[in-house]
Structures are given as structure tokens and as C-alpha cells.
Amino acid sequence: MDRLSILQLSLHGSVVGHLAGYSHGKNILLFDDEFRHNPERPTLSLITHPNFPKSEEILARDWSRHQRLHPLLSNLLPEGALRELLAHSLKTHIDHEFSLLAWLGLDLPALSSHAHSHQTTSRRRYCLGCHTHDLKQLSIHRY
């Protein structure tokens, strides 16, 4: 039976969507309807900006990948020896990027970050967020 893990992605306090990761390696990024239909939505990427041609079509599709994440998220992860060290520590393959992103959140080099956890009924929720110099925020919540 496949295990499913879900990460909630938020930008400037707005929910962008959810990233679903199956234990067999399939990853699906689903954008939140409120984010998709908001003409004032924060810019996650140039292709998701409201003025980008076909941005509505792009956001309407599920972004599905096997093992690796969509480049938008994959490019946030470390490469080379640091990735190998992290994957070895987590006892996962270096291409199983969902596990790497879930562990790191956005606690990545060049970003100052904070982390805290909340106790909820029968599960633990981890909140990892980052603040850059201009106070932009992208946070990841693991359930």
C-alpha cells in the first residue's frame, strides 16, 4: 500500500497549493483554487504570474513528476555532496526530492529561516518558513 505525505505551500501568508508525495515516488503539485483565481496573487514564478500568457492554463494543471519535483521546487534543493549527505542521513535516494524538501523546508543556504512545531490531535505539524531581505515568505507545512 502506498503511503501519502502532503506538504502545504504558502507564499506571503496565502496558500499556494499542496504537494502530494507517494511512497512509490510520484509527486503531484496541486494549486489552490483561491490562489489560481486571485489576480493579485504573489509571484511564485514568472510562469505563475497573472500577466504571464497562459498562466491560468498552467495553474489549472496538476504538476506531476516521478521521484524529482517540478523544477520550480527542485531548484531550491542542494546539489552534489550536500545532497548526497542529506539523502544518506535520511536513508533515501538522492532523487527522491519530496523527502529532501519535506526535511529541509526552506531552511536552505542563503536564506535565514525559523522552524517550530505545533501539536495537533494525533499528529505533529511542522512549520518551516523563510524570510529573505525584502521580507518575502514561502513556507512549507508538513502534516
N, C-alpha and C. Protein backbone atom coordinates (compact mmCIF):
# COMPACT_ATOMS: atom_id res chain seq x y z
N MET A 1 0.84 -1.18 0.00
CA MET A 1 0.00 0.00 0.00
C MET A 1 0.89 1.25 0.00
N ASP A 2 0.54 2.20 -0.83
CA ASP A 2 1.31 3.44 -0.90
C ASP A 2 0.99 4.36 0.27
N ARG A 3 2.04 4.97 0.79
CA ARG A 3 1.89 5.98 1.84
C ARG A 3 1.87 7.34 1.16
N LEU A 4 1.02 8.21 1.61
CA LEU A 4 0.89 9.55 1.04
C LEU A 4 1.26 10.58 2.08
N SER A 5 2.15 11.51 1.69
CA SER A 5 2.51 12.64 2.54
C SER A 5 2.13 13.91 1.79
N ILE A 6 1.72 14.93 2.53
CA ILE A 6 1.26 16.17 1.90
C ILE A 6 1.97 17.35 2.55
N LEU A 7 2.49 18.24 1.69
CA LEU A 7 3.08 19.49 2.15
C LEU A 7 2.20 20.63 1.67
N GLN A 8 1.90 21.57 2.55
CA GLN A 8 1.16 22.76 2.16
C GLN A 8 2.16 23.87 1.87
N LEU A 9 2.04 24.48 0.69
CA LEU A 9 2.95 25.55 0.28
C LEU A 9 2.23 26.88 0.43
N SER A 10 2.86 27.83 1.11
CA SER A 10 2.29 29.16 1.32
C SER A 10 3.30 30.22 0.90
N LEU A 11 2.79 31.32 0.37
CA LEU A 11 3.63 32.44 -0.04
C LEU A 11 2.99 33.71 0.47
N HIS A 12 3.71 34.49 1.26
CA HIS A 12 3.19 35.72 1.87
C HIS A 12 1.89 35.47 2.62
N GLY A 13 1.79 34.36 3.28
CA GLY A 13 0.61 34.04 4.07
C GLY A 13 -0.55 33.48 3.28
N SER A 14 -0.45 33.40 1.96
CA SER A 14 -1.50 32.83 1.12
C SER A 14 -1.14 31.40 0.75
N VAL A 15 -2.11 30.51 0.84
CA VAL A 15 -1.86 29.13 0.45
C VAL A 15 -1.73 29.06 -1.07
N VAL A 16 -0.59 28.56 -1.53
CA VAL A 16 -0.33 28.39 -2.96
C VAL A 16 -0.94 27.08 -3.43
N GLY A 17 -0.74 26.04 -2.67
CA GLY A 17 -1.25 24.73 -3.04
C GLY A 17 -0.68 23.67 -2.14
N HIS A 18 -0.80 22.43 -2.60
CA HIS A 18 -0.33 21.29 -1.82
C HIS A 18 0.52 20.39 -2.72
N LEU A 19 1.57 19.86 -2.13
CA LEU A 19 2.43 18.93 -2.82
C LEU A 19 2.21 17.56 -2.18
N ALA A 20 1.71 16.63 -2.99
CA ALA A 20 1.46 15.27 -2.52
C ALA A 20 2.61 14.39 -2.95
N GLY A 21 3.14 13.62 -2.03
CA GLY A 21 4.23 12.70 -2.32
C GLY A 21 3.86 11.29 -1.92
N TYR A 22 3.85 10.39 -2.90
CA TYR A 22 3.54 8.99 -2.64
C TYR A 22 4.83 8.23 -2.35
N SER A 23 4.74 7.17 -1.57
CA SER A 23 5.93 6.41 -1.19
C SER A 23 6.60 5.75 -2.38
N HIS A 24 5.88 5.49 -3.47
CA HIS A 24 6.49 4.89 -4.66
C HIS A 24 7.19 5.94 -5.54
N GLY A 25 7.14 7.22 -5.13
CA GLY A 25 7.92 8.25 -5.81
C GLY A 25 7.16 9.26 -6.63
N LYS A 26 5.87 9.07 -6.83
CA LYS A 26 5.11 10.04 -7.62
C LYS A 26 4.84 11.28 -6.77
N ASN A 27 5.04 12.46 -7.37
CA ASN A 27 4.80 13.74 -6.70
C ASN A 27 3.84 14.56 -7.53
N ILE A 28 2.85 15.16 -6.88
CA ILE A 28 1.86 15.97 -7.58
C ILE A 28 1.72 17.30 -6.86
N LEU A 29 1.90 18.39 -7.59
CA LEU A 29 1.69 19.73 -7.06
C LEU A 29 0.33 20.21 -7.54
N LEU A 30 -0.56 20.49 -6.60
CA LEU A 30 -1.91 20.97 -6.89
C LEU A 30 -2.03 22.40 -6.39
N PHE A 31 -2.42 23.29 -7.27
CA PHE A 31 -2.56 24.69 -6.87
C PHE A 31 -3.93 24.93 -6.27
N ASP A 32 -3.98 25.74 -5.23
CA ASP A 32 -5.20 26.11 -4.55
C ASP A 32 -6.06 26.98 -5.46
N ASP A 33 -7.38 26.73 -5.48
CA ASP A 33 -8.29 27.50 -6.34
C ASP A 33 -8.24 28.99 -6.04
N GLU A 34 -8.18 29.33 -4.76
CA GLU A 34 -8.15 30.74 -4.38
C GLU A 34 -6.88 31.42 -4.91
N PHE A 35 -5.77 30.73 -4.87
CA PHE A 35 -4.51 31.26 -5.41
C PHE A 35 -4.61 31.42 -6.93
N ARG A 36 -5.13 30.39 -7.59
CA ARG A 36 -5.24 30.41 -9.06
C ARG A 36 -6.09 31.57 -9.57
N HIS A 37 -7.19 31.84 -8.89
CA HIS A 37 -8.15 32.84 -9.37
C HIS A 37 -7.91 34.24 -8.83
N ASN A 38 -6.87 34.42 -8.05
CA ASN A 38 -6.58 35.72 -7.47
C ASN A 38 -5.70 36.53 -8.43
N PRO A 39 -6.23 37.61 -9.02
CA PRO A 39 -5.42 38.41 -9.94
C PRO A 39 -4.30 39.18 -9.22
N GLU A 40 -4.36 39.28 -7.92
CA GLU A 40 -3.35 39.97 -7.12
C GLU A 40 -2.44 38.98 -6.39
N ARG A 41 -2.43 37.73 -6.84
CA ARG A 41 -1.63 36.70 -6.16
C ARG A 41 -0.15 37.05 -6.17
N PRO A 42 0.55 36.65 -5.11
CA PRO A 42 2.00 36.89 -5.08
C PRO A 42 2.69 36.04 -6.16
N THR A 43 3.82 36.51 -6.61
CA THR A 43 4.55 35.83 -7.69
C THR A 43 5.38 34.68 -7.14
N LEU A 44 4.96 33.48 -7.46
CA LEU A 44 5.71 32.28 -7.09
C LEU A 44 6.81 32.05 -8.12
N SER A 45 6.50 32.28 -9.37
CA SER A 45 7.41 32.11 -10.50
C SER A 45 6.87 32.97 -11.64
N LEU A 46 7.71 33.28 -12.60
CA LEU A 46 7.22 34.08 -13.73
C LEU A 46 6.07 33.39 -14.45
N ILE A 47 6.11 32.07 -14.57
CA ILE A 47 5.05 31.38 -15.29
C ILE A 47 3.73 31.33 -14.50
N THR A 48 3.77 31.66 -13.22
CA THR A 48 2.53 31.69 -12.43
C THR A 48 2.04 33.11 -12.19
N HIS A 49 2.76 34.10 -12.71
CA HIS A 49 2.35 35.50 -12.56
C HIS A 49 1.08 35.74 -13.36
N PRO A 50 0.11 36.50 -12.83
CA PRO A 50 -1.16 36.72 -13.52
C PRO A 50 -1.01 37.30 -14.93
N ASN A 51 0.05 38.06 -15.21
CA ASN A 51 0.23 38.66 -16.53
C ASN A 51 0.95 37.74 -17.51
N PHE A 52 1.41 36.59 -17.07
CA PHE A 52 2.10 35.66 -17.95
C PHE A 52 1.08 34.99 -18.86
N PRO A 53 1.35 34.93 -20.19
CA PRO A 53 0.41 34.27 -21.09
C PRO A 53 0.17 32.81 -20.67
N LYS A 54 -1.05 32.42 -20.64
CA LYS A 54 -1.46 31.05 -20.30
C LYS A 54 -1.18 30.67 -18.85
N SER A 55 -1.00 31.63 -17.97
CA SER A 55 -0.75 31.28 -16.56
C SER A 55 -1.94 30.53 -15.97
N GLU A 56 -3.15 30.89 -16.39
CA GLU A 56 -4.34 30.18 -15.88
C GLU A 56 -4.33 28.72 -16.30
N GLU A 57 -3.92 28.45 -17.54
CA GLU A 57 -3.83 27.07 -18.01
C GLU A 57 -2.76 26.31 -17.24
N ILE A 58 -1.64 26.96 -17.01
CA ILE A 58 -0.53 26.33 -16.30
C ILE A 58 -0.93 25.98 -14.87
N LEU A 59 -1.64 26.89 -14.20
CA LEU A 59 -2.04 26.66 -12.81
C LEU A 59 -3.21 25.67 -12.71
N ALA A 60 -3.97 25.51 -13.77
CA ALA A 60 -5.11 24.60 -13.74
C ALA A 60 -4.67 23.14 -13.80
N ARG A 61 -3.48 22.89 -14.34
CA ARG A 61 -2.98 21.52 -14.45
C ARG A 61 -2.30 21.08 -13.17
N ASP A 62 -2.36 19.78 -12.92
CA ASP A 62 -1.57 19.20 -11.84
C ASP A 62 -0.16 19.02 -12.35
N TRP A 63 0.83 19.39 -11.55
CA TRP A 63 2.22 19.23 -11.94
C TRP A 63 2.71 17.91 -11.36
N SER A 64 2.73 16.89 -12.18
CA SER A 64 3.07 15.55 -11.73
C SER A 64 4.46 15.15 -12.22
N ARG A 65 5.23 14.56 -11.34
CA ARG A 65 6.57 14.09 -11.65
C ARG A 65 6.81 12.78 -10.88
N HIS A 66 7.79 12.02 -11.35
CA HIS A 66 8.18 10.81 -10.63
C HIS A 66 9.57 11.02 -10.04
N GLN A 67 9.71 10.81 -8.76
CA GLN A 67 10.92 11.00 -7.95
C GLN A 67 11.29 12.46 -7.82
N ARG A 68 11.69 13.11 -8.90
CA ARG A 68 12.08 14.51 -8.84
C ARG A 68 10.84 15.39 -8.81
N LEU A 69 11.01 16.58 -8.25
CA LEU A 69 9.92 17.55 -8.20
C LEU A 69 9.94 18.42 -9.45
N HIS A 70 8.89 19.21 -9.61
CA HIS A 70 8.87 20.19 -10.69
C HIS A 70 10.10 21.10 -10.49
N PRO A 71 10.74 21.55 -11.58
CA PRO A 71 11.94 22.38 -11.43
C PRO A 71 11.76 23.60 -10.53
N LEU A 72 10.56 24.13 -10.46
CA LEU A 72 10.28 25.27 -9.57
C LEU A 72 10.68 24.96 -8.13
N LEU A 73 10.40 23.73 -7.69
CA LEU A 73 10.73 23.32 -6.32
C LEU A 73 12.08 22.60 -6.27
N SER A 74 12.38 21.84 -7.29
CA SER A 74 13.63 21.08 -7.33
C SER A 74 14.85 21.99 -7.26
N ASN A 75 14.75 23.15 -7.87
CA ASN A 75 15.89 24.07 -7.89
C ASN A 75 16.18 24.70 -6.53
N LEU A 76 15.29 24.51 -5.57
CA LEU A 76 15.53 25.01 -4.22
C LEU A 76 16.45 24.08 -3.41
N LEU A 77 16.60 22.86 -3.88
CA LEU A 77 17.34 21.85 -3.13
C LEU A 77 18.84 21.91 -3.40
N PRO A 78 19.64 21.47 -2.43
CA PRO A 78 21.10 21.46 -2.63
C PRO A 78 21.49 20.42 -3.69
N GLU A 79 22.69 20.58 -4.20
CA GLU A 79 23.21 19.67 -5.22
C GLU A 79 24.51 19.04 -4.72
N GLY A 80 25.00 18.08 -5.47
CA GLY A 80 26.31 17.49 -5.23
C GLY A 80 26.45 16.81 -3.88
N ALA A 81 27.58 17.07 -3.24
CA ALA A 81 27.93 16.39 -1.99
C ALA A 81 26.94 16.70 -0.87
N LEU A 82 26.43 17.92 -0.84
CA LEU A 82 25.46 18.27 0.21
C LEU A 82 24.17 17.47 0.05
N ARG A 83 23.72 17.29 -1.19
CA ARG A 83 22.52 16.49 -1.45
C ARG A 83 22.78 15.04 -1.06
N GLU A 84 23.94 14.52 -1.43
CA GLU A 84 24.29 13.14 -1.09
C GLU A 84 24.32 12.93 0.42
N LEU A 85 24.91 13.88 1.13
CA LEU A 85 24.97 13.79 2.59
C LEU A 85 23.57 13.81 3.19
N LEU A 86 22.73 14.69 2.70
CA LEU A 86 21.35 14.78 3.20
C LEU A 86 20.59 13.49 2.91
N ALA A 87 20.67 12.99 1.68
CA ALA A 87 19.97 11.76 1.31
C ALA A 87 20.46 10.58 2.14
N HIS A 88 21.77 10.51 2.36
CA HIS A 88 22.33 9.44 3.18
C HIS A 88 21.81 9.53 4.61
N SER A 89 21.75 10.74 5.15
CA SER A 89 21.25 10.95 6.52
C SER A 89 19.78 10.55 6.64
N LEU A 90 19.00 10.82 5.60
CA LEU A 90 17.57 10.49 5.61
C LEU A 90 17.29 9.06 5.16
N LYS A 91 18.36 8.36 4.71
CA LYS A 91 18.23 6.99 4.20
C LYS A 91 17.24 6.94 3.04
N THR A 92 17.45 7.85 2.09
CA THR A 92 16.62 7.90 0.90
C THR A 92 17.53 8.11 -0.31
N HIS A 93 16.99 7.92 -1.48
CA HIS A 93 17.76 8.11 -2.70
C HIS A 93 17.90 9.61 -2.98
N ILE A 94 19.00 10.02 -3.60
CA ILE A 94 19.23 11.44 -3.85
C ILE A 94 18.20 12.04 -4.80
N ASP A 95 17.52 11.21 -5.59
CA ASP A 95 16.50 11.72 -6.50
C ASP A 95 15.10 11.73 -5.89
N HIS A 96 14.95 11.23 -4.67
CA HIS A 96 13.64 11.27 -4.01
C HIS A 96 13.49 12.65 -3.36
N GLU A 97 13.17 13.63 -4.21
CA GLU A 97 13.22 15.03 -3.80
C GLU A 97 12.11 15.42 -2.83
N PHE A 98 10.99 14.72 -2.83
CA PHE A 98 9.93 15.04 -1.88
C PHE A 98 10.46 14.93 -0.46
N SER A 99 11.17 13.84 -0.18
CA SER A 99 11.73 13.63 1.17
C SER A 99 12.71 14.73 1.53
N LEU A 100 13.54 15.11 0.56
CA LEU A 100 14.53 16.16 0.82
C LEU A 100 13.85 17.50 1.10
N LEU A 101 12.84 17.85 0.30
CA LEU A 101 12.14 19.11 0.51
C LEU A 101 11.36 19.10 1.82
N ALA A 102 10.73 17.97 2.13
CA ALA A 102 9.97 17.87 3.38
C ALA A 102 10.89 18.05 4.59
N TRP A 103 12.09 17.50 4.51
CA TRP A 103 13.03 17.62 5.62
C TRP A 103 13.57 19.03 5.74
N LEU A 104 13.96 19.60 4.61
CA LEU A 104 14.59 20.92 4.64
C LEU A 104 13.60 22.06 4.79
N GLY A 105 12.40 21.89 4.25
CA GLY A 105 11.51 23.03 4.15
C GLY A 105 12.24 24.06 3.33
N LEU A 106 12.36 25.25 3.80
CA LEU A 106 13.18 26.23 3.11
C LEU A 106 14.33 26.67 3.98
N ASP A 107 14.79 25.75 4.83
CA ASP A 107 15.96 26.02 5.65
C ASP A 107 17.20 25.73 4.82
N LEU A 108 17.37 26.49 3.77
CA LEU A 108 18.41 26.26 2.78
C LEU A 108 19.47 27.34 2.85
N PRO A 109 20.68 27.09 2.31
CA PRO A 109 21.72 28.11 2.31
C PRO A 109 21.23 29.41 1.67
N ALA A 110 21.72 30.52 2.17
CA ALA A 110 21.41 31.88 1.68
C ALA A 110 20.04 32.37 2.14
N LEU A 111 19.34 31.61 2.94
CA LEU A 111 18.06 32.07 3.48
C LEU A 111 18.13 31.99 4.99
N SER A 112 17.66 33.04 5.66
CA SER A 112 17.53 32.92 7.11
C SER A 112 16.17 32.32 7.36
N SER A 113 16.07 31.41 8.28
CA SER A 113 14.81 30.70 8.45
C SER A 113 14.50 30.48 9.91
N HIS A 114 13.28 30.09 10.16
CA HIS A 114 12.87 29.71 11.50
C HIS A 114 12.01 28.45 11.38
N ALA A 115 11.97 27.68 12.43
CA ALA A 115 11.16 26.47 12.42
C ALA A 115 10.52 26.31 13.79
N HIS A 116 9.32 25.81 13.79
CA HIS A 116 8.64 25.50 15.05
C HIS A 116 7.63 24.41 14.78
N SER A 117 7.17 23.77 15.80
CA SER A 117 6.17 22.70 15.61
C SER A 117 4.97 22.98 16.48
N HIS A 118 3.85 22.47 16.02
CA HIS A 118 2.59 22.60 16.74
C HIS A 118 2.06 21.20 17.00
N GLN A 119 1.56 20.95 18.20
CA GLN A 119 0.92 19.69 18.48
C GLN A 119 -0.53 19.80 18.04
N THR A 120 -0.99 18.83 17.29
CA THR A 120 -2.39 18.74 16.92
C THR A 120 -2.87 17.36 17.33
N THR A 121 -4.15 17.11 17.22
CA THR A 121 -4.66 15.82 17.64
C THR A 121 -4.07 14.71 16.79
N SER A 122 -3.44 13.78 17.40
CA SER A 122 -2.87 12.56 16.84
C SER A 122 -1.85 12.77 15.72
N ARG A 123 -1.38 13.97 15.51
CA ARG A 123 -0.32 14.18 14.53
C ARG A 123 0.50 15.39 14.93
N ARG A 124 1.67 15.50 14.39
CA ARG A 124 2.53 16.64 14.66
C ARG A 124 2.67 17.43 13.37
N ARG A 125 2.51 18.73 13.45
CA ARG A 125 2.62 19.58 12.27
C ARG A 125 3.89 20.41 12.39
N TYR A 126 4.73 20.37 11.37
CA TYR A 126 5.97 21.12 11.34
C TYR A 126 5.79 22.31 10.41
N CYS A 127 6.17 23.48 10.85
CA CYS A 127 6.07 24.68 10.04
C CYS A 127 7.47 25.21 9.80
N LEU A 128 7.86 25.25 8.57
CA LEU A 128 9.18 25.76 8.21
C LEU A 128 8.97 26.94 7.29
N GLY A 129 9.57 28.06 7.56
CA GLY A 129 9.38 29.22 6.70
C GLY A 129 10.68 29.95 6.50
N CYS A 130 10.68 30.86 5.57
CA CYS A 130 11.90 31.62 5.33
C CYS A 130 11.56 33.08 5.15
N HIS A 131 12.50 33.93 5.49
CA HIS A 131 12.37 35.36 5.30
C HIS A 131 13.60 35.82 4.55
N THR A 132 13.42 36.44 3.40
CA THR A 132 14.55 36.99 2.69
C THR A 132 14.66 38.46 3.05
N HIS A 133 15.63 39.14 2.48
CA HIS A 133 15.90 40.53 2.85
C HIS A 133 14.70 41.44 2.64
N ASP A 134 13.86 41.16 1.63
CA ASP A 134 12.71 42.02 1.40
C ASP A 134 11.43 41.46 2.04
N LEU A 135 11.60 40.57 2.99
CA LEU A 135 10.51 40.00 3.79
C LEU A 135 9.52 39.17 3.01
N LYS A 136 9.92 38.64 1.85
CA LYS A 136 9.06 37.70 1.14
C LYS A 136 9.04 36.41 1.93
N GLN A 137 7.93 35.72 1.93
CA GLN A 137 7.82 34.48 2.69
C GLN A 137 7.31 33.36 1.81
N LEU A 138 7.94 32.23 1.90
CA LEU A 138 7.41 30.98 1.35
C LEU A 138 7.55 29.98 2.47
N SER A 139 6.47 29.37 2.84
CA SER A 139 6.57 28.41 3.94
C SER A 139 5.98 27.08 3.52
N ILE A 140 6.44 26.05 4.17
CA ILE A 140 6.01 24.69 3.89
C ILE A 140 5.53 24.08 5.20
N HIS A 141 4.33 23.53 5.19
CA HIS A 141 3.78 22.87 6.36
C HIS A 141 3.66 21.38 6.05
N ARG A 142 4.21 20.55 6.93
CA ARG A 142 4.12 19.10 6.77
C ARG A 142 3.11 18.58 7.76
N TYR A 143 2.20 17.75 7.28
CA TYR A 143 1.17 17.17 8.14
C TYR A 143 1.45 15.72 8.38
